Amino acid sequence: VMPTFFASPTRVITAAILLRVALLLYGLVQDTLSPIKYTDIDYLVFTDAARFLSPRTSPTSGPPYTPYRRHTYRYTPLLAWLLFPTTCSPRWLWFSFGKVLFAAGDVVAGVLIAAILRKSKDKGGLGMDTEIAMRFAAVWLLNPMVAQISTRGSAEGLVDTIVVALLWAVLERRVKLAGVLLGLAVHVKIYPFIYGGAVLWWMDEERMGPISSSRRTKGKKKLAGGDGDGLVQRVIAFFTPVRIMFVAWSLCTFILLNTAMYALYGRPFLQHTYFYHFTRLDHRHNFSPYNTLLYLSSAPSSSFTANSLHLESLAFLPQLLLSAFLIPLALAKKDLPATLLAQTFAFVTFNKVCTSQYFLWYLVFLPFYLPRSSLLERRRLGVLALSLWIAGQAVWLQQGFQLEFLGQSTFVPGLWAAGLGFFVVNCWILGVVIGDV
């Protein structure tokens, strides 16, 4: 039965849709009957922000009509615009529009994953037949964790869709489209900027075609009388027309979107969409080992805040060094999809704020890495990695439940040790991924 099931993309995609429909219906029941709501608090923020866009739906009278009048809305206005239908009447019917949209994004991402897996190896894919490709695509499409997060109202599924579309466009050599998608992705969520270096490094002459003769001649003239294999020659050779085009389209898209949003909403757009994320001190539901430091730093009157070195503010240094520079430089030319997984895994692991939604950022790349991974070749290693990854979350959630629901102080050693343990597990898994690539 199973081989027949995975041999049909239509059946797999239908099953993925039905899984999300079932979870959406279950969520309606839980929201109605249980004091613990299925809907994510972030979704309430999104839909409230959408109401502030129009004088017809705004909870407050008078301008400005901006999503940033909703406290804690820290996203691009595009997201509020997408969810504007949730303000329509009757609200109970339209309220789940955003959840449906996010779940649909999950499914589209899965379809793109399958397309990349089936792509021939000479075009950057894995050259799988349909059945095998759908088995690995099901790691995303039929993953209950992925489906639950999107149907609870998290927008990460949309970001993942854009990112996978970026990978597809790069492998298809559709450079302009890839540039637009990267610019859009960074506008919607900051972190995809780390993929820019990996894509540029991958776009060498061998994969994208020879550089133009005029550029090659120009570079040689500049180096007349010098070492043809010198550093300057290599630097000039790096700036191929394809790479310049990709950067230009990325920057233009990013700048145009931000200029438009700034013209409409002014400085609050920059503050809440970008600047806030560099200073945020979120300590709830945060798996990061910086969790306790963030909690202490969030109390301005404490003696700790006055005397500490604020090490959490330096968290971006190892994070960016690994995810944006070292990993792409070492791996991108060998396997671009797996490199994006390693980059994202490192970015999330070393981020000072780490929540369950962020796991989707790297899970979307898992189907590209697994087929040639030691986690599948050595089943015991794979089971151990998965078990430790789940156990690390379970231990932290147990401590977090006692703190946030029962009011028991579990900061030290419980919560701090759980966060540190989960960090160590993720570092080990990251080492396995990098070693495999």
Protein backbone atom coordinates (compact mmCIF):
# COMPACT_ATOMS: atom_id res chain seq x y z
CA VAL A 1 0.00 0.00 0.00
CA MET A 2 2.72 2.53 0.98
CA PRO A 3 4.76 2.37 -2.25
CA THR A 4 1.54 3.00 -4.20
CA PHE A 5 0.66 5.91 -1.94
CA PHE A 6 4.00 7.70 -2.37
CA ALA A 7 4.09 6.93 -6.08
CA SER A 8 1.23 9.38 -6.53
CA PRO A 9 2.08 13.05 -5.80
CA THR A 10 -1.64 13.85 -5.89
CA ARG A 11 -2.33 11.45 -3.00
CA VAL A 12 0.52 12.77 -0.88
CA ILE A 13 -0.48 16.40 -1.44
CA THR A 14 -4.14 15.56 -0.78
CA ALA A 15 -3.15 13.87 2.48
CA ALA A 16 -1.14 16.97 3.45
CA ILE A 17 -4.16 19.19 2.77
CA LEU A 18 -6.51 16.91 4.73
CA LEU A 19 -4.08 16.88 7.68
CA ARG A 20 -4.18 20.67 7.81
CA VAL A 21 -7.96 20.80 7.39
CA ALA A 22 -8.36 18.36 10.29
CA LEU A 23 -6.10 20.46 12.50
CA LEU A 24 -7.95 23.65 11.56
CA LEU A 25 -11.27 22.07 12.55
CA TYR A 26 -9.78 20.67 15.75
CA GLY A 27 -8.43 24.12 16.57
CA LEU A 28 -11.92 25.62 16.31
CA VAL A 29 -13.21 23.07 18.81
CA GLN A 30 -10.33 23.56 21.25
CA ASP A 31 -10.62 27.35 21.09
CA THR A 32 -14.32 27.05 21.91
CA LEU A 33 -14.19 24.47 24.69
CA SER A 34 -10.76 24.67 26.33
CA PRO A 35 -9.23 27.43 28.46
CA ILE A 36 -5.91 26.60 26.72
CA LYS A 37 -6.35 27.96 23.22
CA TYR A 38 -5.14 26.28 20.04
CA THR A 39 -4.70 29.61 18.25
CA ASP A 40 -1.24 31.12 18.68
CA ILE A 41 -1.14 34.49 20.45
CA ASP A 42 0.86 35.84 17.49
CA TYR A 43 -2.13 35.22 15.23
CA LEU A 44 -4.25 37.48 17.42
CA VAL A 45 -1.56 40.14 17.04
CA PHE A 46 -1.62 39.73 13.24
CA THR A 47 -5.40 39.98 12.96
CA ASP A 48 -5.60 42.91 15.36
CA ALA A 49 -2.95 44.74 13.32
CA ALA A 50 -5.01 44.13 10.17
CA ARG A 51 -7.99 45.85 11.82
CA PHE A 52 -5.93 49.00 12.40
CA LEU A 53 -5.33 49.41 8.65
CA SER A 54 -8.74 50.87 7.84
CA PRO A 55 -11.02 53.46 9.47
CA ARG A 56 -13.89 51.05 8.88
CA THR A 57 -12.38 48.30 11.02
CA SER A 58 -10.02 50.16 13.37
CA PRO A 59 -10.75 49.64 17.11
CA THR A 60 -9.75 53.27 17.69
CA SER A 61 -11.14 56.40 16.11
CA GLY A 62 -9.02 58.70 14.01
CA PRO A 63 -5.73 58.36 12.14
CA PRO A 64 -3.05 57.17 11.79
CA TYR A 65 -4.29 53.90 10.39
CA THR A 66 -1.21 51.77 10.88
CA PRO A 67 -0.68 48.17 12.04
CA TYR A 68 1.85 49.44 14.58
CA ARG A 69 -0.93 50.84 16.74
CA ARG A 70 -1.33 47.23 17.78
CA HIS A 71 1.17 46.75 20.61
CA THR A 72 3.78 43.99 19.98
CA TYR A 73 3.24 43.95 16.19
CA ARG A 74 6.86 43.58 15.01
CA TYR A 75 6.44 42.62 11.38
CA THR A 76 6.22 44.09 7.90
CA PRO A 77 2.88 45.76 7.04
CA LEU A 78 2.63 43.29 4.14
CA LEU A 79 1.61 40.62 6.65
CA ALA A 80 -1.21 42.75 8.03
CA TRP A 81 -2.33 43.53 4.49
CA LEU A 82 -2.43 39.82 3.62
CA LEU A 83 -4.64 39.20 6.64
CA PHE A 84 -7.02 42.10 6.02
CA PRO A 85 -9.82 39.68 4.94
CA THR A 86 -9.95 38.57 8.62
CA THR A 87 -11.64 41.90 9.34
CA CYS A 88 -14.61 41.07 7.10
CA SER A 89 -18.03 40.18 8.47
CA PRO A 90 -19.06 37.81 9.83
CA ARG A 91 -15.75 37.72 11.71
CA TRP A 92 -16.22 34.15 12.96
CA LEU A 93 -16.24 32.99 9.33
CA TRP A 94 -13.24 35.02 8.16
CA PHE A 95 -11.13 34.80 11.31
CA SER A 96 -9.31 31.66 10.11
CA PHE A 97 -8.43 33.09 6.70
CA GLY A 98 -4.83 33.69 7.74
CA LYS A 99 -4.45 30.15 9.09
CA VAL A 100 -5.69 28.76 5.79
CA LEU A 101 -3.24 31.00 3.96
CA PHE A 102 -0.30 29.88 6.11
CA ALA A 103 -1.25 26.21 5.76
CA ALA A 104 -1.50 26.63 1.99
CA GLY A 105 2.01 28.09 2.06
CA ASP A 106 3.21 24.91 3.76
CA VAL A 107 1.74 22.80 0.98
CA VAL A 108 3.23 24.97 -1.78
CA ALA A 109 6.63 24.69 -0.10
CA GLY A 110 6.24 20.91 -0.11
CA VAL A 111 5.41 20.88 -3.82
CA LEU A 112 8.54 22.92 -4.54
CA ILE A 113 10.60 20.54 -2.38
CA ALA A 114 9.39 17.59 -4.44
CA ALA A 115 10.19 19.44 -7.67
CA ILE A 116 13.77 20.13 -6.53
CA LEU A 117 14.26 16.52 -5.41
CA ARG A 118 13.14 15.27 -8.82
CA LYS A 119 15.34 17.74 -10.69
CA SER A 120 18.25 16.12 -12.50
CA LYS A 121 21.63 16.14 -10.78
CA ASP A 122 23.28 18.21 -13.48
CA LYS A 123 20.82 21.01 -12.63
CA GLY A 124 21.52 20.92 -8.89
CA GLY A 125 18.76 18.51 -7.87
CA LEU A 126 19.00 14.99 -6.53
CA GLY A 127 17.64 13.19 -9.60
CA MET A 128 15.10 11.11 -7.66
CA ASP A 129 12.21 9.24 -9.18
CA THR A 130 8.74 10.38 -8.17
CA GLU A 131 8.12 7.84 -5.42
CA ILE A 132 11.40 8.43 -3.57
CA ALA A 133 11.05 12.20 -3.97
CA MET A 134 7.58 12.17 -2.47
CA ARG A 135 8.77 10.05 0.46
CA PHE A 136 11.32 12.71 1.38
CA ALA A 137 8.96 15.59 0.60
CA ALA A 138 6.53 13.97 3.06
CA VAL A 139 9.05 14.78 5.81
CA TRP A 140 7.70 18.30 5.39
CA LEU A 141 4.25 17.78 3.88
CA LEU A 142 3.03 15.17 6.38
CA ASN A 143 4.96 16.43 9.40
CA PRO A 144 2.39 17.06 12.17
CA MET A 145 4.66 19.63 13.84
CA VAL A 146 4.85 21.69 10.65
CA ALA A 147 1.09 21.44 10.07
CA GLN A 148 0.26 22.33 13.66
CA ILE A 149 2.43 25.45 13.76
CA SER A 150 0.91 26.87 10.58
CA THR A 151 -2.69 26.00 11.50
CA ARG A 152 -2.23 27.64 14.90
CA GLY A 153 -1.58 30.88 13.03
CA SER A 154 2.19 31.17 12.72
CA ALA A 155 3.35 32.95 9.57
CA GLU A 156 6.61 31.01 9.30
CA GLY A 157 5.11 28.79 6.59
CA LEU A 158 4.92 31.76 4.23
CA VAL A 159 8.57 32.63 4.84
CA ASP A 160 9.55 29.01 4.19
CA THR A 161 7.62 29.07 0.92
CA ILE A 162 9.56 32.12 -0.28
CA VAL A 163 12.88 30.59 0.79
CA VAL A 164 12.25 27.28 -0.99
CA ALA A 165 11.09 29.20 -4.06
CA LEU A 166 14.41 31.07 -3.88
CA LEU A 167 16.32 27.77 -3.90
CA TRP A 168 14.22 26.50 -6.82
CA ALA A 169 14.86 29.70 -8.81
CA VAL A 170 18.61 29.51 -8.17
CA LEU A 171 18.81 25.88 -9.30
CA GLU A 172 16.75 26.78 -12.39
CA ARG A 173 19.26 29.58 -13.15
CA ARG A 174 16.45 32.14 -13.04
CA VAL A 175 18.70 34.80 -11.59
CA LYS A 176 16.34 37.79 -11.68
CA LEU A 177 13.55 35.85 -10.01
CA ALA A 178 15.98 34.55 -7.38
CA GLY A 179 17.09 38.10 -6.63
CA VAL A 180 13.51 39.31 -6.24
CA LEU A 181 12.67 36.40 -3.93
CA LEU A 182 15.71 37.01 -1.73
CA GLY A 183 14.87 40.71 -1.43
CA LEU A 184 11.26 39.83 -0.57
CA ALA A 185 12.30 37.17 1.96
CA VAL A 186 14.64 39.54 3.82
CA HIS A 187 11.92 42.20 3.88
CA VAL A 188 9.42 39.77 5.37
CA LYS A 189 11.91 38.22 7.82
CA ILE A 190 15.47 39.39 8.37
CA TYR A 191 17.26 36.05 8.69
CA PRO A 192 17.23 34.93 4.97
CA PHE A 193 19.98 37.47 4.27
CA ILE A 194 22.43 34.72 5.36
CA TYR A 195 21.61 32.82 2.15
CA GLY A 196 22.94 35.60 -0.06
CA GLY A 197 26.59 34.68 0.44
CA ALA A 198 25.97 30.96 -0.14
CA VAL A 199 24.06 31.59 -3.37
CA LEU A 200 26.71 33.99 -4.66
CA TRP A 201 29.51 31.53 -3.85
CA TRP A 202 27.58 28.73 -5.60
CA MET A 203 26.99 30.85 -8.75
CA ASP A 204 30.42 30.20 -10.22
CA GLU A 205 31.38 30.08 -13.88
CA GLU A 206 31.06 26.30 -14.01
CA ARG A 207 27.41 26.33 -12.94
CA MET A 208 26.13 29.57 -14.41
CA GLY A 209 28.10 29.70 -17.68
CA PRO A 210 31.25 31.58 -18.66
CA ILE A 211 31.65 35.24 -17.84
CA SER A 212 31.41 37.66 -20.76
CA SER A 213 34.49 38.14 -22.85
CA SER A 214 34.33 41.89 -22.35
CA ARG A 215 34.51 41.54 -18.59
CA ARG A 216 37.34 39.02 -18.84
CA THR A 217 39.25 41.37 -21.20
CA LYS A 218 38.62 44.33 -18.91
CA GLY A 219 39.97 42.42 -15.94
CA LYS A 220 43.10 41.42 -17.85
CA LYS A 221 43.77 45.01 -18.91
CA LYS A 222 43.63 46.16 -15.31
CA LEU A 223 46.17 43.55 -14.40
CA ALA A 224 48.52 44.04 -17.33
CA GLY A 225 51.99 43.10 -16.25
CA GLY A 226 50.73 41.45 -13.03
CA ASP A 227 50.26 37.91 -11.82
CA GLY A 228 47.31 36.44 -13.73
CA ASP A 229 46.56 34.12 -10.80
CA GLY A 230 46.91 36.83 -8.17
CA LEU A 231 44.37 37.88 -5.56
CA VAL A 232 43.17 40.91 -7.52
CA GLN A 233 42.50 38.74 -10.56
CA ARG A 234 40.44 36.34 -8.50
CA VAL A 235 38.46 39.16 -6.95
CA ILE A 236 37.66 40.66 -10.36
CA ALA A 237 36.77 37.24 -11.73
CA PHE A 238 34.34 36.74 -8.83
CA PHE A 239 32.17 39.66 -9.93
CA THR A 240 30.55 37.96 -12.89
CA PRO A 241 27.51 39.48 -14.63
CA VAL A 242 25.30 36.78 -13.11
CA ARG A 243 26.41 37.59 -9.56
CA ILE A 244 26.05 41.32 -10.12
CA MET A 245 22.56 40.79 -11.56
CA PHE A 246 21.52 38.69 -8.56
CA VAL A 247 22.76 41.29 -6.08
CA ALA A 248 21.19 44.15 -8.03
CA TRP A 249 17.74 42.56 -8.20
CA SER A 250 17.92 41.57 -4.50
CA LEU A 251 18.88 45.06 -3.37
CA CYS A 252 16.38 46.79 -5.65
CA THR A 253 13.51 44.62 -4.40
CA PHE A 254 14.50 45.09 -0.77
CA ILE A 255 14.99 48.85 -1.11
CA LEU A 256 11.76 49.41 -3.07
CA LEU A 257 9.68 47.47 -0.54
CA ASN A 258 11.20 49.27 2.41
CA THR A 259 10.91 52.66 0.73
CA ALA A 260 7.22 52.05 0.05
CA MET A 261 6.55 50.90 3.61
CA TYR A 262 8.51 53.83 5.07
CA ALA A 263 6.56 56.28 2.91
CA LEU A 264 3.31 54.84 4.27
CA TYR A 265 4.19 54.27 7.93
CA GLY A 266 7.35 56.25 8.66
CA ARG A 267 9.83 55.48 11.43
CA PRO A 268 7.52 53.04 13.32
CA PHE A 269 7.93 50.70 10.35
CA LEU A 270 11.73 50.68 10.70
CA GLN A 271 11.62 50.49 14.49
CA HIS A 272 9.22 47.58 14.79
CA THR A 273 10.16 45.61 11.68
CA TYR A 274 13.96 45.82 11.99
CA PHE A 275 15.52 47.76 14.87
CA TYR A 276 13.48 46.05 17.57
CA HIS A 277 14.92 42.62 16.73
CA PHE A 278 18.45 43.75 17.53
CA THR A 279 17.51 44.73 21.08
CA ARG A 280 14.67 42.33 21.91
CA LEU A 281 14.79 40.63 25.32
CA ASP A 282 12.16 37.89 24.86
CA HIS A 283 12.62 35.37 27.63
CA ARG A 284 9.33 33.45 27.54
CA HIS A 285 9.14 30.18 25.60
CA ASN A 286 12.80 30.70 24.69
CA PHE A 287 14.93 27.54 24.33
CA SER A 288 18.13 29.58 24.03
CA PRO A 289 20.84 29.29 26.73
CA TYR A 290 20.66 33.12 26.84
CA ASN A 291 17.16 32.82 28.29
CA THR A 292 18.13 33.51 31.91
CA LEU A 293 20.38 36.42 30.94
CA LEU A 294 17.54 37.95 28.93
CA TYR A 295 15.20 37.59 31.90
CA LEU A 296 17.63 39.34 34.23
CA SER A 297 18.39 42.06 31.69
CA SER A 298 14.68 42.76 31.21
CA ALA A 299 14.55 44.20 34.76
CA PRO A 300 16.14 47.67 34.45
CA SER A 301 16.22 48.31 38.19
CA SER A 302 18.12 45.14 39.11
CA SER A 303 21.69 45.22 40.31
CA PHE A 304 22.48 42.55 37.70
CA THR A 305 21.57 44.94 34.88
CA ALA A 306 23.80 47.65 36.26
CA ASN A 307 26.86 45.45 36.78
CA SER A 308 26.63 42.84 34.00
CA LEU A 309 28.55 42.75 30.75
CA HIS A 310 25.34 42.04 28.77
CA LEU A 311 26.87 39.03 27.06
CA GLU A 312 23.55 38.31 25.37
CA SER A 313 24.05 41.43 23.24
CA LEU A 314 27.13 39.76 21.70
CA ALA A 315 25.22 36.61 20.72
CA PHE A 316 25.13 37.70 17.08
CA LEU A 317 28.92 37.41 16.72
CA PRO A 318 29.29 33.60 16.72
CA GLN A 319 25.86 33.33 15.10
CA LEU A 320 26.71 35.41 12.04
CA LEU A 321 30.29 34.16 11.80
CA LEU A 322 29.05 30.59 11.44
CA SER A 323 25.82 31.00 9.49
CA ALA A 324 26.70 33.84 7.13
CA PHE A 325 30.42 33.31 6.49
CA LEU A 326 32.17 30.11 7.55
CA ILE A 327 29.51 27.54 6.65
CA PRO A 328 28.67 28.91 3.17
CA LEU A 329 32.34 29.43 2.37
CA ALA A 330 33.15 25.81 3.27
CA LEU A 331 30.07 24.03 1.94
CA ALA A 332 28.09 26.01 -0.66
CA LYS A 333 29.98 24.76 -3.72
CA LYS A 334 29.57 21.15 -2.58
CA ASP A 335 25.84 21.05 -1.88
CA LEU A 336 23.79 24.27 -1.87
CA PRO A 337 20.49 22.87 -0.42
CA ALA A 338 22.30 21.09 2.44
CA THR A 339 24.37 24.23 3.03
CA LEU A 340 21.19 26.26 3.50
CA LEU A 341 20.10 23.70 6.10
CA ALA A 342 23.41 23.98 7.98
CA GLN A 343 23.32 27.78 7.83
CA THR A 344 19.78 27.97 9.17
CA PHE A 345 20.43 25.35 11.85
CA ALA A 346 23.44 27.35 13.07
CA PHE A 347 21.50 30.62 12.96
CA VAL A 348 18.63 29.24 15.06
CA THR A 349 20.89 27.34 17.48
CA PHE A 350 23.04 30.38 18.27
CA ASN A 351 20.21 32.91 18.21
CA LYS A 352 19.50 34.60 21.53
CA VAL A 353 15.78 33.93 20.98
CA CYS A 354 14.82 30.39 19.93
CA THR A 355 11.19 29.24 19.80
CA SER A 356 9.41 26.28 18.22
CA GLN A 357 8.35 28.33 15.20
CA TYR A 358 12.00 28.90 14.31
CA PHE A 359 12.53 25.16 13.91
CA LEU A 360 10.50 25.36 10.70
CA TRP A 361 13.21 27.57 9.22
CA TYR A 362 15.58 24.60 8.95
CA LEU A 363 13.10 21.72 8.83
CA VAL A 364 12.06 22.88 5.35
CA PHE A 365 15.57 22.01 4.10
CA LEU A 366 15.69 18.60 5.79
CA PRO A 367 14.37 16.63 2.76
CA PHE A 368 17.39 17.81 0.71
CA TYR A 369 19.92 16.67 3.30
CA LEU A 370 18.47 13.36 4.51
CA PRO A 371 18.91 11.25 1.34
CA ARG A 372 22.71 11.41 1.56
CA SER A 373 23.06 11.84 5.30
CA SER A 374 24.74 9.63 7.87
CA LEU A 375 21.55 9.96 9.93
CA LEU A 376 19.86 7.61 7.46
CA GLU A 377 22.87 5.49 6.57
CA ARG A 378 23.52 4.81 10.25
CA ARG A 379 20.07 4.30 11.67
CA ARG A 380 21.21 4.25 15.29
CA LEU A 381 22.84 7.62 14.88
CA GLY A 382 19.68 9.01 13.29
CA VAL A 383 17.44 7.65 16.05
CA LEU A 384 19.81 9.00 18.69
CA ALA A 385 19.87 12.47 17.11
CA LEU A 386 16.08 12.62 16.81
CA SER A 387 15.57 11.30 20.34
CA LEU A 388 17.97 13.78 21.88
CA TRP A 389 16.47 16.66 19.89
CA ILE A 390 12.95 15.79 21.10
CA ALA A 391 14.10 15.02 24.66
CA GLY A 392 15.93 18.35 24.87
CA GLN A 393 12.71 20.19 24.07
CA ALA A 394 10.65 18.02 26.42
CA VAL A 395 12.94 18.70 29.37
CA TRP A 396 12.87 22.43 28.72
CA LEU A 397 9.08 22.47 28.26
CA GLN A 398 8.63 20.62 31.55
CA GLN A 399 10.65 23.28 33.36
CA GLY A 400 8.93 26.07 31.42
CA PHE A 401 5.48 24.70 32.30
CA GLN A 402 6.31 24.77 35.99
CA LEU A 403 7.51 28.35 35.69
CA GLU A 404 4.87 29.88 33.43
CA PHE A 405 1.77 27.88 34.42
CA LEU A 406 2.44 26.82 38.01
CA GLY A 407 4.42 29.87 39.13
CA GLN A 408 7.37 27.85 40.42
CA SER A 409 10.83 29.39 40.11
CA THR A 410 12.75 26.95 37.93
CA PHE A 411 15.26 29.40 36.47
CA VAL A 412 18.33 27.88 38.09
CA PRO A 413 19.37 25.18 37.71
CA GLY A 414 16.35 23.69 35.92
CA LEU A 415 15.52 26.04 33.05
CA TRP A 416 19.09 27.22 32.54
CA ALA A 417 20.46 23.65 32.48
CA ALA A 418 17.67 22.53 30.10
CA GLY A 419 18.45 25.36 27.69
CA LEU A 420 22.17 24.61 27.84
CA GLY A 421 21.53 20.90 27.27
CA PHE A 422 19.36 21.57 24.22
CA PHE A 423 22.04 23.91 22.87
CA VAL A 424 24.70 21.21 23.22
CA VAL A 425 22.48 18.68 21.42
CA ASN A 426 21.91 21.10 18.55
CA CYS A 427 25.64 21.85 18.28
CA TRP A 428 26.35 18.12 18.02
CA ILE A 429 23.68 17.64 15.32
CA LEU A 430 25.07 20.66 13.45
CA GLY A 431 28.49 19.03 13.54
CA VAL A 432 27.04 15.87 12.00
CA VAL A 433 25.35 17.87 9.21
CA ILE A 434 28.51 19.82 8.39
CA GLY A 435 30.58 16.65 8.46
CA ASP A 436 28.21 14.95 6.02
CA VAL A 437 28.29 17.82 3.52
